[in-house]
Amino acid sequence: MGFIRVSSLTTTKNEEVAMFRFRFYVCLFAFFLATIFSVSYSSGTENFPDERDKIRKVWLDATRTVVHRIRDQQANKIFQFVEKNSILGIPNEKGVLVAEDAKSANWFIIIPLREEDKKINQEWAMIFEASLVGCFVKEIRSLVLMDYIPFSSNIKAIVLLHEGYHAKIFCENPYEEQSDYEYCLEEVRVCTFQNRVMSLIGGKKYQAILNKEVKRIASLANVSKGSFSVPSRTEYNKELAKVFGKPASQIEKDFVQTSVWIHAVFTFLEKKFKKESLKQKVFFLKKIYEEGGIL
């Protein structure tokens, strides 16, 4: 069993790092696109194959269904932001072909990726190597959806709300750079929001799994002055399948399992550190990203 120790001095490699390496690939991807990036425009989506627009609508419809079901005010605001401000983008060898006019000052591009897009060029192929579920790349103001990976409707909604929150944060208050602390603080905010969405979707069954995982973490964690360690994730395959449905892919299964683990660690830190828990959550994510070579 692996452990993650969070302190100012200690680092420990563990199996969770692979789940977060995607940020490194995203940064490389953004660097290459920033170097060669160009935007081409079309008079409308009618001049393009309908598949990309259909993909975007499938993700939006899945998210709309979940948002209506869970009746969460913040989730509704984020969904409305995505629906109002997103414009369709299509990857090409020069960057992104934009298929719509900007809808507002808070515009951003949604790029649904398909399997054949890895053949466009090396820069687009790079993002396929990272096993993403989705990402918002601020350098090109784009939310990339990995539609070539099978995802169930609930998970599509969770991913779009998560990345849509990142898009909303950036578009409403653009920034050039973030410190490591600011970067991780934003991740804590977005993960905390995702935790609530998953709880609202999953109800009592999800809460039972979460409680079980919090108890496991608490029994194995070690807290000392200035540091703490928590065990790496375990699996609740059968239980989670009853909550979110059978995973449509291995990547979806890993995403859900890791999300439950992060939720449980956050809950453990809230109980253990009380008012200091926000800072500890930031340190926790920062340590994961450092070990993964992201920060």
C-alpha atoms as a PDB file:
ATOM      1  CA  MET A   1       0.000   0.000   0.000  1.00  0.00           C
ATOM      2  CA  GLY A   2       1.317   3.443  -0.931  1.00  0.00           C
ATOM      3  CA  PHE A   3       1.139   6.562   1.197  1.00  0.00           C
ATOM      4  CA  ILE A   4       1.260  10.266   0.476  1.00  0.00           C
ATOM      5  CA  ARG A   5       3.177  12.265   3.054  1.00  0.00           C
ATOM      6  CA  VAL A   6       2.595  15.992   3.094  1.00  0.00           C
ATOM      7  CA  SER A   7       5.268  18.132   4.717  1.00  0.00           C
ATOM      8  CA  SER A   8       7.839  20.739   3.815  1.00  0.00           C
ATOM      9  CA  LEU A   9      10.632  18.178   3.485  1.00  0.00           C
ATOM     10  CA  THR A  10       9.358  14.763   2.453  1.00  0.00           C
ATOM     11  CA  THR A  11       8.184  13.451  -0.927  1.00  0.00           C
ATOM     12  CA  THR A  12       6.971   9.958  -1.661  1.00  0.00           C
ATOM     13  CA  LYS A  13       6.147   8.401  -5.056  1.00  0.00           C
ATOM     14  CA  ASN A  14       2.812   6.613  -5.186  1.00  0.00           C
ATOM     15  CA  GLU A  15       0.294   5.128  -7.581  1.00  0.00           C
ATOM     16  CA  GLU A  16      -1.911   8.224  -7.604  1.00  0.00           C
ATOM     17  CA  VAL A  17       0.673  10.361  -9.390  1.00  0.00           C
ATOM     18  CA  ALA A  18      -0.208   8.897 -12.779  1.00  0.00           C
ATOM     19  CA  MET A  19      -3.753  10.235 -12.480  1.00  0.00           C
ATOM     20  CA  PHE A  20      -2.414  13.793 -12.290  1.00  0.00           C
ATOM     21  CA  ARG A  21       0.370  13.697 -14.865  1.00  0.00           C
ATOM     22  CA  PHE A  22      -2.045  15.054 -17.442  1.00  0.00           C
ATOM     23  CA  ARG A  23      -1.348  18.638 -16.311  1.00  0.00           C
ATOM     24  CA  PHE A  24       2.237  18.235 -17.503  1.00  0.00           C
ATOM     25  CA  TYR A  25       1.014  17.163 -20.932  1.00  0.00           C
ATOM     26  CA  VAL A  26      -1.497  20.002 -21.021  1.00  0.00           C
ATOM     27  CA  CYS A  27       1.256  22.521 -20.318  1.00  0.00           C
ATOM     28  CA  LEU A  28       3.388  21.115 -23.137  1.00  0.00           C
ATOM     29  CA  PHE A  29       0.373  21.031 -25.417  1.00  0.00           C
ATOM     30  CA  ALA A  30      -0.437  24.648 -24.638  1.00  0.00           C
ATOM     31  CA  PHE A  31       3.182  25.681 -25.209  1.00  0.00           C
ATOM     32  CA  PHE A  32       3.278  24.121 -28.657  1.00  0.00           C
ATOM     33  CA  LEU A  33      -0.084  25.562 -29.624  1.00  0.00           C
ATOM     34  CA  ALA A  34       0.869  28.989 -28.336  1.00  0.00           C
ATOM     35  CA  THR A  35       3.871  28.811 -30.646  1.00  0.00           C
ATOM     36  CA  ILE A  36       2.010  27.746 -33.800  1.00  0.00           C
ATOM     37  CA  PHE A  37      -1.513  28.714 -32.862  1.00  0.00           C
ATOM     38  CA  SER A  38      -3.811  30.387 -35.328  1.00  0.00           C
ATOM     39  CA  VAL A  39      -7.572  30.769 -35.316  1.00  0.00           C
ATOM     40  CA  SER A  40      -9.619  30.354 -38.461  1.00  0.00           C
ATOM     41  CA  TYR A  41     -13.250  31.354 -38.612  1.00  0.00           C
ATOM     42  CA  SER A  42     -16.349  30.035 -40.319  1.00  0.00           C
ATOM     43  CA  SER A  43     -19.658  31.722 -40.957  1.00  0.00           C
ATOM     44  CA  GLY A  44     -21.429  28.980 -39.022  1.00  0.00           C
ATOM     45  CA  THR A  45     -21.556  25.327 -38.079  1.00  0.00           C
ATOM     46  CA  GLU A  46     -23.601  24.499 -41.160  1.00  0.00           C
ATOM     47  CA  ASN A  47     -20.364  24.452 -43.194  1.00  0.00           C
ATOM     48  CA  PHE A  48     -18.885  21.689 -41.080  1.00  0.00           C
ATOM     49  CA  PRO A  49     -19.706  18.053 -40.453  1.00  0.00           C
ATOM     50  CA  ASP A  50     -22.424  17.890 -37.848  1.00  0.00           C
ATOM     51  CA  GLU A  51     -20.612  15.351 -35.684  1.00  0.00           C
ATOM     52  CA  ARG A  52     -18.664  17.873 -33.574  1.00  0.00           C
ATOM     53  CA  ASP A  53     -21.717  19.958 -32.815  1.00  0.00           C
ATOM     54  CA  LYS A  54     -23.672  16.807 -31.962  1.00  0.00           C
ATOM     55  CA  ILE A  55     -20.922  15.749 -29.564  1.00  0.00           C
ATOM     56  CA  ARG A  56     -21.053  19.113 -27.788  1.00  0.00           C
ATOM     57  CA  LYS A  57     -24.844  18.871 -27.531  1.00  0.00           C
ATOM     58  CA  VAL A  58     -24.620  15.365 -26.051  1.00  0.00           C
ATOM     59  CA  TRP A  59     -22.310  16.640 -23.292  1.00  0.00           C
ATOM     60  CA  LEU A  60     -24.489  19.699 -22.686  1.00  0.00           C
ATOM     61  CA  ASP A  61     -27.667  17.600 -22.585  1.00  0.00           C
ATOM     62  CA  ALA A  62     -26.104  15.156 -20.109  1.00  0.00           C
ATOM     63  CA  THR A  63     -25.028  18.049 -17.901  1.00  0.00           C
ATOM     64  CA  ARG A  64     -28.398  19.812 -18.157  1.00  0.00           C
ATOM     65  CA  THR A  65     -30.130  16.620 -16.993  1.00  0.00           C
ATOM     66  CA  VAL A  66     -27.873  16.287 -13.952  1.00  0.00           C
ATOM     67  CA  VAL A  67     -28.097  19.977 -13.059  1.00  0.00           C
ATOM     68  CA  HIS A  68     -31.888  19.868 -13.159  1.00  0.00           C
ATOM     69  CA  ARG A  69     -31.884  16.736 -11.028  1.00  0.00           C
ATOM     70  CA  ILE A  70     -29.525  17.865  -8.272  1.00  0.00           C
ATOM     71  CA  ARG A  71     -30.915  21.435  -8.030  1.00  0.00           C
ATOM     72  CA  ASP A  72     -27.621  22.977  -6.926  1.00  0.00           C
ATOM     73  CA  GLN A  73     -27.402  26.742  -7.402  1.00  0.00           C
ATOM     74  CA  GLN A  74     -23.689  26.831  -8.176  1.00  0.00           C
ATOM     75  CA  ALA A  75     -23.928  23.920 -10.623  1.00  0.00           C
ATOM     76  CA  ASN A  76     -26.747  25.728 -12.401  1.00  0.00           C
ATOM     77  CA  LYS A  77     -24.704  28.958 -12.656  1.00  0.00           C
ATOM     78  CA  ILE A  78     -21.711  27.098 -14.077  1.00  0.00           C
ATOM     79  CA  PHE A  79     -23.863  25.230 -16.586  1.00  0.00           C
ATOM     80  CA  GLN A  80     -25.558  28.446 -17.677  1.00  0.00           C
ATOM     81  CA  PHE A  81     -22.131  30.041 -18.123  1.00  0.00           C
ATOM     82  CA  VAL A  82     -20.942  27.144 -20.292  1.00  0.00           C
ATOM     83  CA  GLU A  83     -24.096  27.071 -22.371  1.00  0.00           C
ATOM     84  CA  LYS A  84     -24.128  30.848 -22.887  1.00  0.00           C
ATOM     85  CA  ASN A  85     -20.448  31.488 -23.607  1.00  0.00           C
ATOM     86  CA  SER A  86     -19.013  28.382 -25.277  1.00  0.00           C
ATOM     87  CA  ILE A  87     -18.353  28.312 -29.008  1.00  0.00           C
ATOM     88  CA  LEU A  88     -17.503  25.275 -31.094  1.00  0.00           C
ATOM     89  CA  GLY A  89     -13.901  24.625 -32.103  1.00  0.00           C
ATOM     90  CA  ILE A  90     -12.458  22.011 -34.431  1.00  0.00           C
ATOM     91  CA  PRO A  91      -8.789  20.984 -34.181  1.00  0.00           C
ATOM     92  CA  ASN A  92      -6.650  21.365 -37.282  1.00  0.00           C
ATOM     93  CA  GLU A  93      -2.965  21.370 -38.175  1.00  0.00           C
ATOM     94  CA  LYS A  94      -2.609  25.104 -37.442  1.00  0.00           C
ATOM     95  CA  GLY A  95      -4.483  25.148 -34.149  1.00  0.00           C
ATOM     96  CA  VAL A  96      -8.241  25.504 -33.882  1.00  0.00           C
ATOM     97  CA  LEU A  97     -10.887  26.206 -36.483  1.00  0.00           C
ATOM     98  CA  VAL A  98     -13.601  28.268 -34.757  1.00  0.00           C
ATOM     99  CA  ALA A  99     -17.028  27.450 -36.138  1.00  0.00           C
ATOM    100  CA  GLU A 100     -19.053  30.207 -34.441  1.00  0.00           C
ATOM    101  CA  ASP A 101     -18.841  33.873 -33.575  1.00  0.00           C
ATOM    102  CA  ALA A 102     -18.085  34.738 -29.957  1.00  0.00           C
ATOM    103  CA  LYS A 103     -21.260  35.019 -27.900  1.00  0.00           C
ATOM    104  CA  SER A 104     -19.942  37.386 -25.227  1.00  0.00           C
ATOM    105  CA  ALA A 105     -16.804  38.865 -23.697  1.00  0.00           C
ATOM    106  CA  ASN A 106     -16.537  35.661 -21.648  1.00  0.00           C
ATOM    107  CA  TRP A 107     -16.305  33.428 -24.705  1.00  0.00           C
ATOM    108  CA  PHE A 108     -14.295  30.234 -24.686  1.00  0.00           C
ATOM    109  CA  ILE A 109     -13.926  27.373 -27.132  1.00  0.00           C
ATOM    110  CA  ILE A 110     -15.214  23.836 -26.633  1.00  0.00           C
ATOM    111  CA  ILE A 111     -13.172  21.349 -28.642  1.00  0.00           C
ATOM    112  CA  PRO A 112     -14.667  17.844 -28.825  1.00  0.00           C
ATOM    113  CA  LEU A 113     -11.788  15.486 -29.665  1.00  0.00           C
ATOM    114  CA  ARG A 114     -12.288  12.322 -31.718  1.00  0.00           C
ATOM    115  CA  GLU A 115      -9.951   9.372 -32.158  1.00  0.00           C
ATOM    116  CA  GLU A 116      -8.762  10.446 -35.601  1.00  0.00           C
ATOM    117  CA  ASP A 117      -7.578  13.812 -34.260  1.00  0.00           C
ATOM    118  CA  LYS A 118      -4.368  12.267 -32.948  1.00  0.00           C
ATOM    119  CA  LYS A 119      -3.260  12.063 -36.598  1.00  0.00           C
ATOM    120  CA  ILE A 120      -3.498  15.833 -37.161  1.00  0.00           C
ATOM    121  CA  ASN A 121       0.013  16.559 -35.896  1.00  0.00           C
ATOM    122  CA  GLN A 122       2.393  15.870 -33.013  1.00  0.00           C
ATOM    123  CA  GLU A 123       0.966  18.646 -30.860  1.00  0.00           C
ATOM    124  CA  TRP A 124      -2.577  17.294 -30.929  1.00  0.00           C
ATOM    125  CA  ALA A 125      -1.309  13.719 -30.534  1.00  0.00           C
ATOM    126  CA  MET A 126       0.442  14.752 -27.307  1.00  0.00           C
ATOM    127  CA  ILE A 127      -2.789  15.341 -25.457  1.00  0.00           C
ATOM    128  CA  PHE A 128      -3.947  11.801 -26.239  1.00  0.00           C
ATOM    129  CA  GLU A 129      -0.977  10.386 -24.323  1.00  0.00           C
ATOM    130  CA  ALA A 130      -2.172  11.740 -21.004  1.00  0.00           C
ATOM    131  CA  SER A 131      -5.399   9.718 -20.547  1.00  0.00           C
ATOM    132  CA  LEU A 132      -7.392  12.850 -19.784  1.00  0.00           C
ATOM    133  CA  VAL A 133     -11.052  13.019 -18.911  1.00  0.00           C
ATOM    134  CA  GLY A 134     -11.105  16.675 -19.997  1.00  0.00           C
ATOM    135  CA  CYS A 135      -9.149  19.890 -19.490  1.00  0.00           C
ATOM    136  CA  PHE A 136      -9.398  23.642 -19.704  1.00  0.00           C
ATOM    137  CA  VAL A 137      -6.321  25.130 -21.388  1.00  0.00           C
ATOM    138  CA  LYS A 138      -6.214  28.828 -20.552  1.00  0.00           C
ATOM    139  CA  GLU A 139      -3.423  29.546 -23.047  1.00  0.00           C
ATOM    140  CA  ILE A 140      -5.817  28.845 -25.917  1.00  0.00           C
ATOM    141  CA  ARG A 141      -8.996  29.665 -23.955  1.00  0.00           C
ATOM    142  CA  SER A 142     -10.317  26.195 -24.721  1.00  0.00           C
ATOM    143  CA  LEU A 143     -12.152  23.416 -22.924  1.00  0.00           C
ATOM    144  CA  VAL A 144     -11.126  20.107 -24.488  1.00  0.00           C
ATOM    145  CA  LEU A 145     -13.555  17.173 -24.246  1.00  0.00           C
ATOM    146  CA  MET A 146     -12.095  13.697 -24.755  1.00  0.00           C
ATOM    147  CA  ASP A 147     -15.062  12.225 -26.576  1.00  0.00           C
ATOM    148  CA  TYR A 148     -12.943   9.406 -28.001  1.00  0.00           C
ATOM    149  CA  ILE A 149     -13.047   7.884 -24.504  1.00  0.00           C
ATOM    150  CA  PRO A 150     -16.369   6.263 -23.545  1.00  0.00           C
ATOM    151  CA  PHE A 151     -18.035   8.053 -20.627  1.00  0.00           C
ATOM    152  CA  SER A 152     -21.428   7.519 -19.050  1.00  0.00           C
ATOM    153  CA  SER A 153     -23.860  10.446 -18.904  1.00  0.00           C
ATOM    154  CA  ASN A 154     -23.316  11.168 -15.209  1.00  0.00           C
ATOM    155  CA  ILE A 155     -19.551  11.337 -15.634  1.00  0.00           C
ATOM    156  CA  LYS A 156     -19.825  13.551 -18.709  1.00  0.00           C
ATOM    157  CA  ALA A 157     -21.819  15.963 -16.570  1.00  0.00           C
ATOM    158  CA  ILE A 158     -19.296  15.866 -13.709  1.00  0.00           C
ATOM    159  CA  VAL A 159     -16.375  16.452 -16.090  1.00  0.00           C
ATOM    160  CA  LEU A 160     -18.068  19.312 -17.935  1.00  0.00           C
ATOM    161  CA  LEU A 161     -19.083  21.026 -14.687  1.00  0.00           C
ATOM    162  CA  HIS A 162     -15.557  20.611 -13.281  1.00  0.00           C
ATOM    163  CA  GLU A 163     -13.792  21.997 -16.342  1.00  0.00           C
ATOM    164  CA  GLY A 164     -16.560  24.529 -16.912  1.00  0.00           C
ATOM    165  CA  TYR A 165     -15.834  25.918 -13.444  1.00  0.00           C
ATOM    166  CA  HIS A 166     -12.171  26.378 -14.424  1.00  0.00           C
ATOM    167  CA  ALA A 167     -13.315  28.127 -17.607  1.00  0.00           C
ATOM    168  CA  LYS A 168     -15.640  30.412 -15.632  1.00  0.00           C
ATOM    169  CA  ILE A 169     -12.913  31.347 -13.148  1.00  0.00           C
ATOM    170  CA  PHE A 170     -10.489  32.256 -15.924  1.00  0.00           C
ATOM    171  CA  CYS A 171     -12.872  33.992 -18.321  1.00  0.00           C
ATOM    172  CA  GLU A 172     -14.403  36.198 -15.643  1.00  0.00           C
ATOM    173  CA  ASN A 173     -11.007  37.128 -14.157  1.00  0.00           C
ATOM    174  CA  PRO A 174      -8.246  36.376 -16.696  1.00  0.00           C
ATOM    175  CA  TYR A 175      -4.710  35.894 -15.404  1.00  0.00           C
ATOM    176  CA  GLU A 176      -1.382  35.275 -17.085  1.00  0.00           C
ATOM    177  CA  GLU A 177       0.271  33.179 -14.408  1.00  0.00           C
ATOM    178  CA  GLN A 178      -0.579  31.662 -11.044  1.00  0.00           C
ATOM    179  CA  SER A 179       1.739  30.847  -8.180  1.00  0.00           C
ATOM    180  CA  ASP A 180       1.843  27.198  -7.143  1.00  0.00           C
ATOM    181  CA  TYR A 181      -0.327  28.052  -4.154  1.00  0.00           C
ATOM    182  CA  GLU A 182      -2.888  29.923  -6.290  1.00  0.00           C
ATOM    183  CA  TYR A 183      -2.975  27.073  -8.788  1.00  0.00           C
ATOM    184  CA  CYS A 184      -3.645  24.500  -6.058  1.00  0.00           C
ATOM    185  CA  LEU A 185      -6.121  26.762  -4.269  1.00  0.00           C
ATOM    186  CA  GLU A 186      -8.194  26.923  -7.457  1.00  0.00           C
ATOM    187  CA  GLU A 187      -7.988  23.132  -7.723  1.00  0.00           C
ATOM    188  CA  VAL A 188      -9.260  22.821  -4.148  1.00  0.00           C
ATOM    189  CA  ARG A 189     -12.201  25.101  -4.965  1.00  0.00           C
ATOM    190  CA  VAL A 190     -13.117  23.123  -8.067  1.00  0.00           C
ATOM    191  CA  CYS A 191     -12.638  19.727  -6.418  1.00  0.00           C
ATOM    192  CA  THR A 192     -14.773  20.834  -3.462  1.00  0.00           C
ATOM    193  CA  PHE A 193     -17.523  21.787  -5.889  1.00  0.00           C
ATOM    194  CA  GLN A 194     -17.172  18.449  -7.695  1.00  0.00           C
ATOM    195  CA  ASN A 195     -17.377  16.625  -4.355  1.00  0.00           C
ATOM    196  CA  ARG A 196     -20.752  18.222  -3.681  1.00  0.00           C
ATOM    197  CA  VAL A 197     -22.025  17.383  -7.168  1.00  0.00           C
ATOM    198  CA  MET A 198     -21.031  13.733  -6.748  1.00  0.00           C
ATOM    199  CA  SER A 199     -22.737  13.625  -3.351  1.00  0.00           C
ATOM    200  CA  LEU A 200     -25.936  15.079  -4.776  1.00  0.00           C
ATOM    201  CA  ILE A 201     -25.934  12.616  -7.674  1.00  0.00           C
ATOM    202  CA  GLY A 202     -25.114   9.623  -5.508  1.00  0.00           C
ATOM    203  CA  GLY A 203     -27.236  10.358  -2.454  1.00  0.00           C
ATOM    204  CA  LYS A 204     -27.159   7.972   0.506  1.00  0.00           C
ATOM    205  CA  LYS A 205     -25.361   5.198  -1.371  1.00  0.00           C
ATOM    206  CA  TYR A 206     -22.504   7.515  -2.287  1.00  0.00           C
ATOM    207  CA  GLN A 207     -22.366   8.891   1.255  1.00  0.00           C
ATOM    208  CA  ALA A 208     -22.033   5.347   2.613  1.00  0.00           C
ATOM    209  CA  ILE A 209     -19.048   4.688   0.322  1.00  0.00           C
ATOM    210  CA  LEU A 210     -17.500   8.032   1.249  1.00  0.00           C
ATOM    211  CA  ASN A 211     -17.912   7.363   4.973  1.00  0.00           C
ATOM    212  CA  LYS A 212     -16.268   3.968   4.556  1.00  0.00           C
ATOM    213  CA  GLU A 213     -13.317   5.516   2.717  1.00  0.00           C
ATOM    214  CA  VAL A 214     -12.925   8.322   5.271  1.00  0.00           C
ATOM    215  CA  LYS A 215     -12.844   5.713   8.034  1.00  0.00           C
ATOM    216  CA  ARG A 216     -10.193   3.704   6.169  1.00  0.00           C
ATOM    217  CA  ILE A 217      -8.049   6.793   5.618  1.00  0.00           C
ATOM    218  CA  ALA A 218      -8.396   7.897   9.254  1.00  0.00           C
ATOM    219  CA  SER A 219      -7.340   4.449  10.495  1.00  0.00           C
ATOM    220  CA  LEU A 220      -4.166   4.450   8.362  1.00  0.00           C
ATOM    221  CA  ALA A 221      -3.243   8.137   8.360  1.00  0.00           C
ATOM    222  CA  ASN A 222      -0.380   9.494  10.407  1.00  0.00           C
ATOM    223  CA  VAL A 223      -0.454  13.078  11.627  1.00  0.00           C
ATOM    224  CA  SER A 224       2.528  14.734  13.233  1.00  0.00           C
ATOM    225  CA  LYS A 225       3.578  18.331  13.771  1.00  0.00           C
ATOM    226  CA  GLY A 226       3.902  20.003  10.392  1.00  0.00           C
ATOM    227  CA  SER A 227       3.071  16.947   8.290  1.00  0.00           C
ATOM    228  CA  PHE A 228       0.595  14.168   7.668  1.00  0.00           C
ATOM    229  CA  SER A 229       0.411  11.049   5.516  1.00  0.00           C
ATOM    230  CA  VAL A 230      -2.631   9.377   3.991  1.00  0.00           C
ATOM    231  CA  PRO A 231      -2.961   6.016   2.225  1.00  0.00           C
ATOM    232  CA  SER A 232      -3.334   5.875  -1.531  1.00  0.00           C
ATOM    233  CA  ARG A 233      -6.681   4.983  -2.997  1.00  0.00           C
ATOM    234  CA  THR A 234      -8.475   1.679  -2.830  1.00  0.00           C
ATOM    235  CA  GLU A 235     -11.345   0.470  -5.014  1.00  0.00           C
ATOM    236  CA  TYR A 236     -15.094   0.284  -4.531  1.00  0.00           C
ATOM    237  CA  ASN A 237     -15.998  -1.069  -7.945  1.00  0.00           C
ATOM    238  CA  LYS A 238     -19.280  -2.836  -7.153  1.00  0.00           C
ATOM    239  CA  GLU A 239     -20.513  -0.168  -4.772  1.00  0.00           C
ATOM    240  CA  LEU A 240     -19.744   2.718  -7.135  1.00  0.00           C
ATOM    241  CA  ALA A 241     -21.316   0.920 -10.084  1.00  0.00           C
ATOM    242  CA  LYS A 242     -24.582   0.901  -8.137  1.00  0.00           C
ATOM    243  CA  VAL A 243     -24.306   4.674  -7.691  1.00  0.00           C
ATOM    244  CA  PHE A 244     -23.018   5.962 -11.033  1.00  0.00           C
ATOM    245  CA  GLY A 245     -23.617   2.934 -13.240  1.00  0.00           C
ATOM    246  CA  LYS A 246     -21.099   0.542 -14.729  1.00  0.00           C
ATOM    247  CA  PRO A 247     -18.033   2.483 -15.950  1.00  0.00           C
ATOM    248  CA  ALA A 248     -17.961   2.890 -19.719  1.00  0.00           C
ATOM    249  CA  SER A 249     -14.150   2.686 -19.766  1.00  0.00           C
ATOM    250  CA  GLN A 250     -11.128   2.054 -17.551  1.00  0.00           C
ATOM    251  CA  ILE A 251     -10.357   5.774 -17.560  1.00  0.00           C
ATOM    252  CA  GLU A 252     -13.862   6.526 -16.272  1.00  0.00           C
ATOM    253  CA  LYS A 253     -13.424   3.944 -13.520  1.00  0.00           C
ATOM    254  CA  ASP A 254     -10.065   5.441 -12.497  1.00  0.00           C
ATOM    255  CA  PHE A 255     -11.530   8.938 -12.560  1.00  0.00           C
ATOM    256  CA  VAL A 256     -14.419   7.996 -10.274  1.00  0.00           C
ATOM    257  CA  GLN A 257     -12.247   6.005  -7.857  1.00  0.00           C
ATOM    258  CA  THR A 258      -9.716   8.816  -7.576  1.00  0.00           C
ATOM    259  CA  SER A 259     -12.462  11.418  -7.153  1.00  0.00           C
ATOM    260  CA  VAL A 260     -13.907   9.460  -4.217  1.00  0.00           C
ATOM    261  CA  TRP A 261     -10.445   9.199  -2.677  1.00  0.00           C
ATOM    262  CA  ILE A 262      -9.816  12.956  -2.965  1.00  0.00           C
ATOM    263  CA  HIS A 263     -13.265  13.652  -1.509  1.00  0.00           C
ATOM    264  CA  ALA A 264     -12.494  11.345   1.410  1.00  0.00           C
ATOM    265  CA  VAL A 265      -9.081  12.913   2.043  1.00  0.00           C
ATOM    266  CA  PHE A 266     -10.664  16.377   2.039  1.00  0.00           C
ATOM    267  CA  THR A 267     -13.275  15.179   4.536  1.00  0.00           C
ATOM    268  CA  PHE A 268     -10.577  13.631   6.726  1.00  0.00           C
ATOM    269  CA  LEU A 269      -8.595  16.886   6.683  1.00  0.00           C
ATOM    270  CA  GLU A 270     -11.699  18.903   7.598  1.00  0.00           C
ATOM    271  CA  LYS A 271     -12.282  16.702  10.640  1.00  0.00           C
ATOM    272  CA  LYS A 272      -8.633  16.638  11.675  1.00  0.00           C
ATOM    273  CA  PHE A 273      -7.529  20.214  11.037  1.00  0.00           C
ATOM    274  CA  LYS A 274     -10.795  22.172  11.364  1.00  0.00           C
ATOM    275  CA  LYS A 275     -10.066  25.828  10.495  1.00  0.00           C
ATOM    276  CA  GLU A 276      -6.663  24.894   9.050  1.00  0.00           C
ATOM    277  CA  SER A 277      -8.152  22.347   6.660  1.00  0.00           C
ATOM    278  CA  LEU A 278      -8.176  24.610   3.584  1.00  0.00           C
ATOM    279  CA  LYS A 279      -4.431  25.141   3.818  1.00  0.00           C
ATOM    280  CA  GLN A 280      -3.884  21.407   4.327  1.00  0.00           C
ATOM    281  CA  LYS A 281      -5.969  20.575   1.241  1.00  0.00           C
ATOM    282  CA  VAL A 282      -3.834  22.956  -0.797  1.00  0.00           C
ATOM    283  CA  PHE A 283      -0.662  21.304   0.529  1.00  0.00           C
ATOM    284  CA  PHE A 284      -2.125  17.872  -0.207  1.00  0.00           C
ATOM    285  CA  LEU A 285      -2.805  18.664  -3.876  1.00  0.00           C
ATOM    286  CA  LYS A 286       0.473  20.559  -4.187  1.00  0.00           C
ATOM    287  CA  LYS A 287       2.388  17.495  -3.009  1.00  0.00           C
ATOM    288  CA  ILE A 288       0.642  15.283  -5.551  1.00  0.00           C
ATOM    289  CA  TYR A 289       1.418  17.719  -8.350  1.00  0.00           C
ATOM    290  CA  GLU A 290       5.041  18.082  -7.240  1.00  0.00           C
ATOM    291  CA  GLU A 291       5.531  14.327  -7.184  1.00  0.00           C
ATOM    292  CA  GLY A 292       3.995  14.093 -10.629  1.00  0.00           C
ATOM    293  CA  GLY A 293       6.374  16.699 -12.049  1.00  0.00           C
ATOM    294  CA  ILE A 294       3.528  19.144 -12.640  1.00  0.00           C
ATOM    295  CA  LEU A 295       4.764  21.887 -10.284  1.00  0.00           C
END
